[in-house]
Amino acid sequence: MQSPRHTFDTQLHALEQRLLRMGSFVEEMLEDSVKALVDKDVSLAEEVIRRDDVADELDLDIETSCMHMLALQQPLSKDLRVIGTALKITTDLERIGDYSVDIAKTALELVSEPVIKPLVRIPQMAQATARMVRGALEAFVSRDPDKIEEVVRLDDEVDELNRQVWNMMIQEMQENPSTVSRAAHLILVARYLERIADHAVNVAERVQYMETGVLRQLASSHQML
């Protein structure tokens, strides 16, 4: 017969694997939404939008698992922080999926519009934010503080790229009023990516709290709406 501790550890490992699967899923949503934007791929954008229901189901599955562990295992303080962190993380991952859907919807809005200029910084932002999401989840599983530091470093990179997109699009709107709508959509896309980065930092903060019992803000630019 397995001991209660062994049973809990087995369930905890399964929970971590569910979080990684959800993280990989929303990371793919993010990457595909930006690819749909760059390539003007209607079918891919629509596929990302459809995946939102799957992300919601993964969120509910993880929440249910956490509630089950809390009810039946009576975890101690550190274990309680792990489960609480998992509950918070899944909320952030669900929001990342939502923002990816927003980007896909913007891709559909722009699919028939002429390109203002080749998209370079927005795909760079998407790559960095995807790495942040992956790194934050790896930090949760491996308890690796270096992963947390990498997430914070990449957040600064995303913020700088966001500022560059903003400045370029404002200048474009001033010089070419006919591009106002298209430029405004691209500003929104960059804003969505910046918000995804904030959620990745949020996950890293939760992991730090899980390990230390102290919740502190990791990045001065980190704000949530």
C-alpha atoms as a PDB file:
ATOM      1  CA  MET A   1       0.000   0.000   0.000  1.00  0.00           C
ATOM      2  CA  GLN A   2       1.361   3.403  -0.955  1.00  0.00           C
ATOM      3  CA  SER A   3       2.025   5.958   1.764  1.00  0.00           C
ATOM      4  CA  PRO A   4       0.032   9.229   1.774  1.00  0.00           C
ATOM      5  CA  ARG A   5       3.249  11.101   0.920  1.00  0.00           C
ATOM      6  CA  HIS A   6       3.947   8.889  -2.068  1.00  0.00           C
ATOM      7  CA  THR A   7       0.370   9.300  -3.269  1.00  0.00           C
ATOM      8  CA  PHE A   8       0.622  13.076  -2.933  1.00  0.00           C
ATOM      9  CA  ASP A   9       3.942  13.189  -4.797  1.00  0.00           C
ATOM     10  CA  THR A  10       2.439  11.132  -7.611  1.00  0.00           C
ATOM     11  CA  GLN A  11      -0.526  13.468  -7.869  1.00  0.00           C
ATOM     12  CA  LEU A  12       1.755  16.495  -7.718  1.00  0.00           C
ATOM     13  CA  HIS A  13       3.848  15.153 -10.592  1.00  0.00           C
ATOM     14  CA  ALA A  14       0.688  14.592 -12.612  1.00  0.00           C
ATOM     15  CA  LEU A  15      -0.387  18.164 -11.845  1.00  0.00           C
ATOM     16  CA  GLU A  16       2.958  19.513 -13.055  1.00  0.00           C
ATOM     17  CA  GLN A  17       2.598  17.566 -16.285  1.00  0.00           C
ATOM     18  CA  ARG A  18      -0.900  19.006 -16.825  1.00  0.00           C
ATOM     19  CA  LEU A  19       0.476  22.511 -16.348  1.00  0.00           C
ATOM     20  CA  LEU A  20       3.269  21.857 -18.831  1.00  0.00           C
ATOM     21  CA  ARG A  21       0.762  20.547 -21.371  1.00  0.00           C
ATOM     22  CA  MET A  22      -1.422  23.615 -20.958  1.00  0.00           C
ATOM     23  CA  GLY A  23       1.639  25.858 -21.160  1.00  0.00           C
ATOM     24  CA  SER A  24       2.776  24.192 -24.387  1.00  0.00           C
ATOM     25  CA  PHE A  25      -0.750  24.485 -25.754  1.00  0.00           C
ATOM     26  CA  VAL A  26      -1.128  28.221 -25.148  1.00  0.00           C
ATOM     27  CA  GLU A  27       2.459  28.822 -26.288  1.00  0.00           C
ATOM     28  CA  GLU A  28       1.522  27.186 -29.599  1.00  0.00           C
ATOM     29  CA  MET A  29      -1.612  29.342 -29.750  1.00  0.00           C
ATOM     30  CA  LEU A  30       0.572  32.410 -29.308  1.00  0.00           C
ATOM     31  CA  GLU A  31       3.059  31.402 -31.987  1.00  0.00           C
ATOM     32  CA  ASP A  32       0.339  30.431 -34.463  1.00  0.00           C
ATOM     33  CA  SER A  33      -1.636  33.633 -33.895  1.00  0.00           C
ATOM     34  CA  VAL A  34       1.387  35.755 -34.830  1.00  0.00           C
ATOM     35  CA  LYS A  35       2.191  33.458 -37.764  1.00  0.00           C
ATOM     36  CA  ALA A  36      -1.376  33.943 -38.982  1.00  0.00           C
ATOM     37  CA  LEU A  37      -0.887  37.707 -38.717  1.00  0.00           C
ATOM     38  CA  VAL A  38       2.413  37.702 -40.615  1.00  0.00           C
ATOM     39  CA  ASP A  39       1.321  35.212 -43.284  1.00  0.00           C
ATOM     40  CA  LYS A  40      -2.268  36.503 -43.580  1.00  0.00           C
ATOM     41  CA  ASP A  41      -3.420  32.947 -42.952  1.00  0.00           C
ATOM     42  CA  VAL A  42      -7.180  32.940 -42.360  1.00  0.00           C
ATOM     43  CA  SER A  43      -7.498  29.236 -41.606  1.00  0.00           C
ATOM     44  CA  LEU A  44      -4.709  29.334 -39.024  1.00  0.00           C
ATOM     45  CA  ALA A  45      -6.222  32.382 -37.306  1.00  0.00           C
ATOM     46  CA  GLU A  46      -9.597  30.642 -37.146  1.00  0.00           C
ATOM     47  CA  GLU A  47      -7.940  27.501 -35.767  1.00  0.00           C
ATOM     48  CA  VAL A  48      -6.340  29.525 -32.950  1.00  0.00           C
ATOM     49  CA  ILE A  49      -9.733  30.991 -32.077  1.00  0.00           C
ATOM     50  CA  ARG A  50     -11.282  27.510 -31.941  1.00  0.00           C
ATOM     51  CA  ARG A  51      -8.525  26.290 -29.619  1.00  0.00           C
ATOM     52  CA  ASP A  52      -9.683  28.706 -26.923  1.00  0.00           C
ATOM     53  CA  ASP A  53     -12.314  26.189 -25.812  1.00  0.00           C
ATOM     54  CA  VAL A  54      -9.612  23.530 -25.371  1.00  0.00           C
ATOM     55  CA  ALA A  55      -7.515  25.929 -23.284  1.00  0.00           C
ATOM     56  CA  ASP A  56     -10.541  26.585 -21.074  1.00  0.00           C
ATOM     57  CA  GLU A  57     -11.041  22.829 -20.628  1.00  0.00           C
ATOM     58  CA  LEU A  58      -7.385  22.373 -19.642  1.00  0.00           C
ATOM     59  CA  ASP A  59      -7.778  25.208 -17.137  1.00  0.00           C
ATOM     60  CA  LEU A  60     -10.833  23.548 -15.586  1.00  0.00           C
ATOM     61  CA  ASP A  61      -9.096  20.162 -15.456  1.00  0.00           C
ATOM     62  CA  ILE A  62      -6.144  21.599 -13.537  1.00  0.00           C
ATOM     63  CA  GLU A  63      -8.406  23.523 -11.179  1.00  0.00           C
ATOM     64  CA  THR A  64     -10.379  20.354 -10.470  1.00  0.00           C
ATOM     65  CA  SER A  65      -7.171  18.412  -9.764  1.00  0.00           C
ATOM     66  CA  CYS A  66      -6.007  21.101  -7.344  1.00  0.00           C
ATOM     67  CA  MET A  67      -9.328  21.116  -5.510  1.00  0.00           C
ATOM     68  CA  HIS A  68      -9.207  17.318  -5.264  1.00  0.00           C
ATOM     69  CA  MET A  69      -5.707  17.416  -3.745  1.00  0.00           C
ATOM     70  CA  LEU A  70      -6.680  20.122  -1.278  1.00  0.00           C
ATOM     71  CA  ALA A  71      -9.753  18.199  -0.172  1.00  0.00           C
ATOM     72  CA  LEU A  72      -8.228  14.740   0.151  1.00  0.00           C
ATOM     73  CA  GLN A  73      -4.529  15.177   0.912  1.00  0.00           C
ATOM     74  CA  GLN A  74      -4.580  17.911   3.591  1.00  0.00           C
ATOM     75  CA  PRO A  75      -1.227  19.292   2.389  1.00  0.00           C
ATOM     76  CA  LEU A  76       1.256  20.991   4.708  1.00  0.00           C
ATOM     77  CA  SER A  77       2.388  24.620   4.277  1.00  0.00           C
ATOM     78  CA  LYS A  78       4.961  24.098   1.493  1.00  0.00           C
ATOM     79  CA  ASP A  79       2.737  21.651  -0.349  1.00  0.00           C
ATOM     80  CA  LEU A  80      -0.150  24.066   0.060  1.00  0.00           C
ATOM     81  CA  ARG A  81       1.914  26.793  -1.619  1.00  0.00           C
ATOM     82  CA  VAL A  82       2.655  24.452  -4.536  1.00  0.00           C
ATOM     83  CA  ILE A  83      -1.033  23.762  -5.132  1.00  0.00           C
ATOM     84  CA  GLY A  84      -1.940  27.421  -4.668  1.00  0.00           C
ATOM     85  CA  THR A  85       0.764  28.370  -7.151  1.00  0.00           C
ATOM     86  CA  ALA A  86      -0.580  25.874  -9.677  1.00  0.00           C
ATOM     87  CA  LEU A  87      -4.053  27.409  -9.351  1.00  0.00           C
ATOM     88  CA  LYS A  88      -2.662  30.888  -9.975  1.00  0.00           C
ATOM     89  CA  ILE A  89      -0.485  29.747 -12.867  1.00  0.00           C
ATOM     90  CA  THR A  90      -3.363  28.144 -14.723  1.00  0.00           C
ATOM     91  CA  THR A  91      -5.268  31.436 -14.536  1.00  0.00           C
ATOM     92  CA  ASP A  92      -2.308  33.217 -16.139  1.00  0.00           C
ATOM     93  CA  LEU A  93      -2.050  30.557 -18.829  1.00  0.00           C
ATOM     94  CA  GLU A  94      -5.746  30.891 -19.604  1.00  0.00           C
ATOM     95  CA  ARG A  95      -5.289  34.649 -20.062  1.00  0.00           C
ATOM     96  CA  ILE A  96      -2.331  34.019 -22.383  1.00  0.00           C
ATOM     97  CA  GLY A  97      -4.651  31.882 -24.492  1.00  0.00           C
ATOM     98  CA  ASP A  98      -7.209  34.705 -24.495  1.00  0.00           C
ATOM     99  CA  TYR A  99      -4.649  37.247 -25.716  1.00  0.00           C
ATOM    100  CA  SER A 100      -3.540  34.819 -28.423  1.00  0.00           C
ATOM    101  CA  VAL A 101      -7.150  34.673 -29.587  1.00  0.00           C
ATOM    102  CA  ASP A 102      -7.218  38.486 -29.631  1.00  0.00           C
ATOM    103  CA  ILE A 103      -4.146  38.480 -31.882  1.00  0.00           C
ATOM    104  CA  ALA A 104      -5.777  35.904 -34.173  1.00  0.00           C
ATOM    105  CA  LYS A 105      -8.901  38.068 -34.424  1.00  0.00           C
ATOM    106  CA  THR A 106      -6.734  41.050 -35.312  1.00  0.00           C
ATOM    107  CA  ALA A 107      -5.059  38.932 -37.995  1.00  0.00           C
ATOM    108  CA  LEU A 108      -8.507  38.359 -39.509  1.00  0.00           C
ATOM    109  CA  GLU A 109      -9.214  42.084 -39.373  1.00  0.00           C
ATOM    110  CA  LEU A 110      -6.003  42.857 -41.287  1.00  0.00           C
ATOM    111  CA  VAL A 111      -5.988  39.939 -43.720  1.00  0.00           C
ATOM    112  CA  SER A 112      -7.374  41.968 -46.632  1.00  0.00           C
ATOM    113  CA  GLU A 113      -5.495  45.174 -45.775  1.00  0.00           C
ATOM    114  CA  PRO A 114      -2.201  46.220 -47.405  1.00  0.00           C
ATOM    115  CA  VAL A 115       0.876  45.716 -45.242  1.00  0.00           C
ATOM    116  CA  ILE A 116       2.240  48.954 -43.789  1.00  0.00           C
ATOM    117  CA  LYS A 117       5.753  47.534 -43.667  1.00  0.00           C
ATOM    118  CA  PRO A 118       7.281  44.082 -43.106  1.00  0.00           C
ATOM    119  CA  LEU A 119       6.604  42.789 -39.605  1.00  0.00           C
ATOM    120  CA  VAL A 120       9.871  42.273 -37.755  1.00  0.00           C
ATOM    121  CA  ARG A 121       9.534  43.465 -34.175  1.00  0.00           C
ATOM    122  CA  ILE A 122       6.163  41.844 -33.509  1.00  0.00           C
ATOM    123  CA  PRO A 123       7.457  38.340 -34.389  1.00  0.00           C
ATOM    124  CA  GLN A 124      10.509  39.094 -32.222  1.00  0.00           C
ATOM    125  CA  MET A 125       8.178  39.980 -29.356  1.00  0.00           C
ATOM    126  CA  ALA A 126       6.238  36.757 -29.904  1.00  0.00           C
ATOM    127  CA  GLN A 127       9.408  34.661 -29.821  1.00  0.00           C
ATOM    128  CA  ALA A 128      10.563  36.330 -26.596  1.00  0.00           C
ATOM    129  CA  THR A 129       7.178  36.001 -24.883  1.00  0.00           C
ATOM    130  CA  ALA A 130       6.941  32.322 -25.868  1.00  0.00           C
ATOM    131  CA  ARG A 131      10.365  31.760 -24.303  1.00  0.00           C
ATOM    132  CA  MET A 132       9.164  33.565 -21.181  1.00  0.00           C
ATOM    133  CA  VAL A 133       6.118  31.327 -20.845  1.00  0.00           C
ATOM    134  CA  ARG A 134       8.257  28.226 -21.351  1.00  0.00           C
ATOM    135  CA  GLY A 135      10.923  29.417 -18.926  1.00  0.00           C
ATOM    136  CA  ALA A 136       8.440  30.306 -16.192  1.00  0.00           C
ATOM    137  CA  LEU A 137       6.861  26.848 -16.364  1.00  0.00           C
ATOM    138  CA  GLU A 138      10.256  25.170 -16.395  1.00  0.00           C
ATOM    139  CA  ALA A 139      11.071  27.165 -13.251  1.00  0.00           C
ATOM    140  CA  PHE A 140       7.935  25.768 -11.626  1.00  0.00           C
ATOM    141  CA  VAL A 141       8.876  22.179 -12.404  1.00  0.00           C
ATOM    142  CA  SER A 142      12.649  22.401 -11.802  1.00  0.00           C
ATOM    143  CA  ARG A 143      12.554  25.033  -9.007  1.00  0.00           C
ATOM    144  CA  ASP A 144      15.393  26.735 -10.909  1.00  0.00           C
ATOM    145  CA  PRO A 145      15.970  30.393  -9.912  1.00  0.00           C
ATOM    146  CA  ASP A 146      18.040  30.969 -13.063  1.00  0.00           C
ATOM    147  CA  LYS A 147      14.915  30.387 -15.125  1.00  0.00           C
ATOM    148  CA  ILE A 148      13.161  33.115 -13.161  1.00  0.00           C
ATOM    149  CA  GLU A 149      16.003  35.539 -13.887  1.00  0.00           C
ATOM    150  CA  GLU A 150      15.796  34.718 -17.599  1.00  0.00           C
ATOM    151  CA  VAL A 151      12.073  35.501 -17.608  1.00  0.00           C
ATOM    152  CA  VAL A 152      12.745  38.918 -16.053  1.00  0.00           C
ATOM    153  CA  ARG A 153      15.512  39.658 -18.567  1.00  0.00           C
ATOM    154  CA  LEU A 154      13.283  38.761 -21.497  1.00  0.00           C
ATOM    155  CA  ASP A 155      10.504  40.957 -20.086  1.00  0.00           C
ATOM    156  CA  ASP A 156      12.777  43.975 -20.467  1.00  0.00           C
ATOM    157  CA  GLU A 157      13.410  42.950 -24.079  1.00  0.00           C
ATOM    158  CA  VAL A 158       9.684  42.678 -24.782  1.00  0.00           C
ATOM    159  CA  ASP A 159       9.022  46.072 -23.193  1.00  0.00           C
ATOM    160  CA  GLU A 160      11.668  47.682 -25.399  1.00  0.00           C
ATOM    161  CA  LEU A 161      10.254  46.087 -28.546  1.00  0.00           C
ATOM    162  CA  ASN A 162       6.783  47.254 -27.534  1.00  0.00           C
ATOM    163  CA  ARG A 163       8.075  50.828 -27.242  1.00  0.00           C
ATOM    164  CA  GLN A 164       9.666  50.558 -30.669  1.00  0.00           C
ATOM    165  CA  VAL A 165       6.443  49.322 -32.273  1.00  0.00           C
ATOM    166  CA  TRP A 166       4.490  52.101 -30.572  1.00  0.00           C
ATOM    167  CA  ASN A 167       6.888  54.815 -31.768  1.00  0.00           C
ATOM    168  CA  MET A 168       7.025  53.461 -35.309  1.00  0.00           C
ATOM    169  CA  MET A 169       3.259  53.189 -35.637  1.00  0.00           C
ATOM    170  CA  ILE A 170       2.615  56.642 -34.174  1.00  0.00           C
ATOM    171  CA  GLN A 171       5.073  58.082 -36.666  1.00  0.00           C
ATOM    172  CA  GLU A 172       3.416  56.126 -39.464  1.00  0.00           C
ATOM    173  CA  MET A 173      -0.028  57.458 -38.520  1.00  0.00           C
ATOM    174  CA  GLN A 174       1.274  61.018 -38.460  1.00  0.00           C
ATOM    175  CA  GLU A 175       2.959  60.725 -41.841  1.00  0.00           C
ATOM    176  CA  ASN A 176       0.289  58.613 -43.559  1.00  0.00           C
ATOM    177  CA  PRO A 177      -3.203  59.198 -42.109  1.00  0.00           C
ATOM    178  CA  SER A 178      -4.615  56.462 -44.369  1.00  0.00           C
ATOM    179  CA  THR A 179      -2.765  53.864 -42.261  1.00  0.00           C
ATOM    180  CA  VAL A 180      -4.293  54.897 -38.925  1.00  0.00           C
ATOM    181  CA  SER A 181      -6.585  51.882 -38.560  1.00  0.00           C
ATOM    182  CA  ARG A 182      -3.948  49.334 -39.577  1.00  0.00           C
ATOM    183  CA  ALA A 183      -1.289  50.928 -37.378  1.00  0.00           C
ATOM    184  CA  ALA A 184      -3.660  51.026 -34.417  1.00  0.00           C
ATOM    185  CA  HIS A 185      -4.318  47.292 -34.831  1.00  0.00           C
ATOM    186  CA  LEU A 186      -0.582  46.576 -34.782  1.00  0.00           C
ATOM    187  CA  ILE A 187      -0.164  48.703 -31.657  1.00  0.00           C
ATOM    188  CA  LEU A 188      -2.847  46.532 -30.055  1.00  0.00           C
ATOM    189  CA  VAL A 189      -1.056  43.339 -31.100  1.00  0.00           C
ATOM    190  CA  ALA A 190       2.153  44.591 -29.503  1.00  0.00           C
ATOM    191  CA  ARG A 191       0.156  45.487 -26.412  1.00  0.00           C
ATOM    192  CA  TYR A 192      -1.324  41.979 -26.255  1.00  0.00           C
ATOM    193  CA  LEU A 193       2.179  40.507 -26.469  1.00  0.00           C
ATOM    194  CA  GLU A 194       3.382  42.823 -23.713  1.00  0.00           C
ATOM    195  CA  ARG A 195       0.496  41.629 -21.554  1.00  0.00           C
ATOM    196  CA  ILE A 196       1.378  38.003 -22.249  1.00  0.00           C
ATOM    197  CA  ALA A 197       4.911  38.785 -21.079  1.00  0.00           C
ATOM    198  CA  ASP A 198       3.456  40.285 -17.902  1.00  0.00           C
ATOM    199  CA  HIS A 199       1.544  37.066 -17.254  1.00  0.00           C
ATOM    200  CA  ALA A 200       4.755  35.081 -17.709  1.00  0.00           C
ATOM    201  CA  VAL A 201       6.428  37.319 -15.119  1.00  0.00           C
ATOM    202  CA  ASN A 202       3.419  36.726 -12.925  1.00  0.00           C
ATOM    203  CA  VAL A 203       4.030  32.968 -13.159  1.00  0.00           C
ATOM    204  CA  ALA A 204       7.699  33.505 -12.257  1.00  0.00           C
ATOM    205  CA  GLU A 205       6.651  35.563  -9.229  1.00  0.00           C
ATOM    206  CA  ARG A 206       4.363  32.749  -8.103  1.00  0.00           C
ATOM    207  CA  VAL A 207       7.201  30.246  -8.404  1.00  0.00           C
ATOM    208  CA  GLN A 208       9.447  32.484  -6.336  1.00  0.00           C
ATOM    209  CA  TYR A 209       6.735  32.719  -3.684  1.00  0.00           C
ATOM    210  CA  MET A 210       6.263  28.960  -3.771  1.00  0.00           C
ATOM    211  CA  GLU A 211       9.948  28.455  -3.007  1.00  0.00           C
ATOM    212  CA  THR A 212      10.546  31.289  -0.534  1.00  0.00           C
ATOM    213  CA  GLY A 213       7.153  32.099   0.976  1.00  0.00           C
ATOM    214  CA  VAL A 214       7.723  35.741  -0.009  1.00  0.00           C
ATOM    215  CA  LEU A 215       5.809  37.335  -2.889  1.00  0.00           C
ATOM    216  CA  ARG A 216       7.611  40.300  -4.392  1.00  0.00           C
ATOM    217  CA  GLN A 217       7.466  42.034  -7.739  1.00  0.00           C
ATOM    218  CA  LEU A 218      10.250  40.904 -10.036  1.00  0.00           C
ATOM    219  CA  ALA A 219      10.108  43.643 -12.675  1.00  0.00           C
ATOM    220  CA  SER A 220       9.493  47.363 -12.128  1.00  0.00           C
ATOM    221  CA  SER A 221       7.584  47.575 -15.407  1.00  0.00           C
ATOM    222  CA  HIS A 222       5.308  44.686 -14.476  1.00  0.00           C
ATOM    223  CA  GLN A 223       1.692  45.849 -14.422  1.00  0.00           C
ATOM    224  CA  MET A 224      -1.528  43.964 -14.844  1.00  0.00           C
ATOM    225  CA  LEU A 225      -4.962  45.041 -15.974  1.00  0.00           C
END
